[in-house]
């Protein structure tokens, strides 16, 4: 019995979990900075403490551009490339750099779309149960989803007191996933051949 596939599957799982968690924290910090979320919110402070060790040295070299934390973008891209390199190496593949970069961009955009999809969905579900409006997580969720929901609310105003704009936002996010991420992944894998 050959245990190599089981070990490589376990290795891929561990790599994806560890790198995925840290890339998610860096992306959340980037997004919360972008929407100018409350810096003193305890959840933001948690993200800052987790991401400061690699970001502070990078910021000395990579400046911000119009409020965008380019150091965080570079860190996410580098982590995603390293994750893909480790996974492909574990599976015995050696993709070229063009394929790696395209796949890294596809994975980061997919994560961004997933963050917004789940944030909008959670915000909708929480609106049904009417939680404490001063909870730190709820205020961050509101701030995070506003860039996605505000345009949808302009296109689809409330009908008979019902706000249907989250449905429009969720459909648009899924369409982005189908029309942008899937072709990018296909392009990345075609460059590997």
Protein backbone atom coordinates (compact mmCIF):
# COMPACT_ATOMS: atom_id res chain seq x y z
CA UNK A 1 0.00 0.00 0.00
CA UNK A 2 1.38 3.38 -1.05
CA UNK A 3 0.82 6.12 1.54
CA UNK A 4 2.38 8.89 -0.59
CA UNK A 5 -0.96 10.29 -1.90
CA UNK A 6 -2.35 10.44 1.64
CA UNK A 7 0.72 12.24 2.92
CA UNK A 8 0.75 14.69 0.03
CA UNK A 9 -2.98 15.37 0.51
CA UNK A 10 -2.38 16.04 4.21
CA UNK A 11 0.55 18.30 3.32
CA UNK A 12 -1.53 20.25 0.81
CA UNK A 13 -4.29 20.62 3.40
CA UNK A 14 -1.87 21.96 6.02
CA UNK A 15 -0.21 24.37 3.59
CA UNK A 16 -3.58 25.69 2.37
CA UNK A 17 -4.89 26.06 5.91
CA UNK A 18 -1.89 27.89 7.35
CA UNK A 19 -1.25 30.14 4.37
CA UNK A 20 -4.97 30.67 3.77
CA UNK A 21 -5.53 31.85 7.34
CA UNK A 22 -2.69 34.33 7.23
CA UNK A 23 -3.53 35.63 3.75
CA UNK A 24 -7.12 36.09 4.97
CA UNK A 25 -5.94 38.14 7.97
CA UNK A 26 -3.75 40.35 5.76
CA UNK A 27 -6.60 40.83 3.27
CA UNK A 28 -9.07 41.70 6.02
CA UNK A 29 -6.62 44.24 7.40
CA UNK A 30 -6.16 45.70 3.90
CA UNK A 31 -9.91 45.90 3.31
CA UNK A 32 -10.64 47.41 6.71
CA UNK A 33 -7.97 50.05 6.12
CA UNK A 34 -9.44 50.71 2.69
CA UNK A 35 -12.95 51.30 4.11
CA UNK A 36 -11.45 53.32 6.97
CA UNK A 37 -12.85 51.07 9.67
CA UNK A 38 -12.47 52.07 13.31
CA UNK A 39 -8.82 51.42 14.14
CA UNK A 40 -9.60 51.10 17.84
CA UNK A 41 -12.10 48.30 17.32
CA UNK A 42 -10.79 45.25 19.23
CA UNK A 43 -11.11 43.02 16.16
CA UNK A 44 -9.07 45.44 14.06
CA UNK A 45 -6.46 45.57 16.83
CA UNK A 46 -6.29 41.77 16.72
CA UNK A 47 -5.67 41.86 12.95
CA UNK A 48 -3.05 44.58 13.37
CA UNK A 49 -1.14 42.54 15.96
CA UNK A 50 -1.22 39.45 13.74
CA UNK A 51 -0.07 41.23 10.61
CA UNK A 52 2.36 43.86 11.92
CA UNK A 53 5.50 41.62 12.06
CA UNK A 54 5.83 41.24 8.27
CA UNK A 55 4.04 44.46 7.29
CA UNK A 56 6.06 46.99 9.28
CA UNK A 57 9.39 46.15 7.58
CA UNK A 58 7.68 46.04 4.17
CA UNK A 59 6.17 49.48 4.70
CA UNK A 60 9.64 50.95 5.08
CA UNK A 61 10.32 49.89 1.49
CA UNK A 62 6.86 49.99 -0.13
CA UNK A 63 4.84 53.21 0.31
CA UNK A 64 1.08 53.60 0.36
CA UNK A 65 -0.61 54.90 -2.75
CA UNK A 66 -3.74 57.05 -2.32
CA UNK A 67 -4.66 55.29 0.90
CA UNK A 68 -4.00 51.79 -0.47
CA UNK A 69 -1.58 49.75 1.59
CA UNK A 70 0.67 48.45 -1.20
CA UNK A 71 2.83 46.60 1.34
CA UNK A 72 -0.19 44.46 2.28
CA UNK A 73 -0.86 43.73 -1.40
CA UNK A 74 2.75 42.70 -1.96
CA UNK A 75 2.68 40.53 1.17
CA UNK A 76 -0.53 38.79 0.07
CA UNK A 77 0.85 38.16 -3.42
CA UNK A 78 4.15 36.83 -2.06
CA UNK A 79 2.41 34.54 0.42
CA UNK A 80 0.08 33.25 -2.30
CA UNK A 81 3.00 32.53 -4.65
CA UNK A 82 4.90 30.71 -1.87
CA UNK A 83 1.78 28.68 -1.04
CA UNK A 84 1.36 27.65 -4.67
CA UNK A 85 5.07 26.83 -4.99
CA UNK A 86 4.90 24.60 -1.92
CA UNK A 87 1.75 22.85 -3.11
CA UNK A 88 3.03 22.26 -6.63
CA UNK A 89 6.38 21.12 -5.24
CA UNK A 90 4.66 18.67 -2.92
CA UNK A 91 2.63 17.30 -5.82
CA UNK A 92 5.71 17.02 -8.03
CA UNK A 93 4.87 19.83 -10.45
CA UNK A 94 7.06 22.76 -11.37
CA UNK A 95 5.03 25.58 -12.95
CA UNK A 96 6.70 28.56 -14.57
CA UNK A 97 6.52 32.03 -13.06
CA UNK A 98 3.85 33.33 -15.42
CA UNK A 99 1.49 30.52 -14.42
CA UNK A 100 2.27 31.08 -10.74
CA UNK A 101 1.54 34.80 -10.95
CA UNK A 102 -1.72 34.31 -12.84
CA UNK A 103 -2.86 31.62 -10.38
CA UNK A 104 -1.84 33.79 -7.41
CA UNK A 105 -3.91 36.70 -8.75
CA UNK A 106 -6.85 34.36 -9.37
CA UNK A 107 -6.65 32.96 -5.82
CA UNK A 108 -6.44 36.41 -4.24
CA UNK A 109 -9.37 37.73 -6.27
CA UNK A 110 -11.34 34.60 -5.38
CA UNK A 111 -10.64 35.21 -1.69
CA UNK A 112 -11.74 38.83 -2.04
CA UNK A 113 -15.00 37.81 -3.69
CA UNK A 114 -15.59 35.12 -1.06
CA UNK A 115 -14.98 37.57 1.78
CA UNK A 116 -17.56 39.95 0.37
CA UNK A 117 -20.02 37.17 -0.47
CA UNK A 118 -19.97 35.76 3.06
CA UNK A 119 -19.89 39.21 4.69
CA UNK A 120 -23.02 40.27 2.80
CA UNK A 121 -24.73 36.97 3.57
CA UNK A 122 -23.87 37.20 7.28
CA UNK A 123 -25.07 40.80 7.36
CA UNK A 124 -28.41 39.72 5.86
CA UNK A 125 -28.83 36.89 8.36
CA UNK A 126 -27.92 39.16 11.26
CA UNK A 127 -30.50 41.70 10.12
CA UNK A 128 -33.18 39.06 10.74
CA UNK A 129 -32.18 38.47 14.37
CA UNK A 130 -31.55 42.13 15.30
CA UNK A 131 -28.32 41.82 17.31
CA UNK A 132 -26.75 44.51 19.49
CA UNK A 133 -25.93 47.34 17.03
CA UNK A 134 -22.91 48.42 19.10
CA UNK A 135 -21.17 45.05 18.91
CA UNK A 136 -17.66 45.57 17.47
CA UNK A 137 -18.04 42.78 14.89
CA UNK A 138 -21.33 44.16 13.61
CA UNK A 139 -19.96 47.66 13.07
CA UNK A 140 -16.98 46.21 11.17
CA UNK A 141 -19.32 44.09 9.07
CA UNK A 142 -21.34 47.17 8.20
CA UNK A 143 -18.24 49.15 7.27
CA UNK A 144 -16.78 46.26 5.26
CA UNK A 145 -19.90 45.56 3.20
CA UNK A 146 -20.85 49.16 2.50
CA UNK A 147 -18.72 49.45 -0.70
CA UNK A 148 -20.57 46.45 -2.16
CA UNK A 149 -24.06 47.18 -0.87
CA UNK A 150 -24.19 50.96 -1.50
CA UNK A 151 -24.07 50.64 -5.33
CA UNK A 152 -26.58 47.79 -5.19
CA UNK A 153 -28.91 49.92 -3.05
CA UNK A 154 -28.69 52.75 -5.59
CA UNK A 155 -29.61 50.35 -8.41
CA UNK A 156 -32.33 48.55 -6.47
CA UNK A 157 -34.04 50.75 -3.87
CA UNK A 158 -36.21 49.13 -1.15
CA UNK A 159 -39.51 47.70 -2.41
CA UNK A 160 -42.42 47.83 0.06
CA UNK A 161 -39.93 48.18 2.93
CA UNK A 162 -37.82 45.22 1.83
CA UNK A 163 -34.18 45.80 0.94
CA UNK A 164 -33.45 43.41 -1.92
CA UNK A 165 -30.08 44.95 -2.76
CA UNK A 166 -28.10 42.19 -0.97
CA UNK A 167 -29.54 39.70 -3.48
CA UNK A 168 -28.27 41.87 -6.33
CA UNK A 169 -24.85 42.13 -4.64
CA UNK A 170 -24.64 38.36 -4.09
CA UNK A 171 -25.60 37.65 -7.71
CA UNK A 172 -23.01 40.16 -8.96
CA UNK A 173 -20.32 38.57 -6.77
CA UNK A 174 -21.15 35.10 -8.07
CA UNK A 175 -21.06 36.38 -11.66
CA UNK A 176 -17.62 37.87 -11.00
CA UNK A 177 -16.53 34.50 -9.69
CA UNK A 178 -17.77 32.75 -12.82
CA UNK A 179 -16.69 35.32 -15.41
CA UNK A 180 -13.38 36.50 -13.93
CA UNK A 181 -11.89 33.92 -11.58
CA UNK A 182 -12.64 30.76 -13.58
CA UNK A 183 -11.04 32.11 -16.80
CA UNK A 184 -8.02 33.36 -14.84
CA UNK A 185 -7.52 29.92 -13.28
CA UNK A 186 -7.90 28.27 -16.68
CA UNK A 187 -5.30 30.66 -18.10
CA UNK A 188 -2.91 29.88 -15.24
CA UNK A 189 -3.25 26.13 -15.66
CA UNK A 190 -2.91 26.41 -19.45
CA UNK A 191 0.39 28.25 -18.96
CA UNK A 192 1.67 25.30 -16.94
CA UNK A 193 1.38 22.85 -19.83
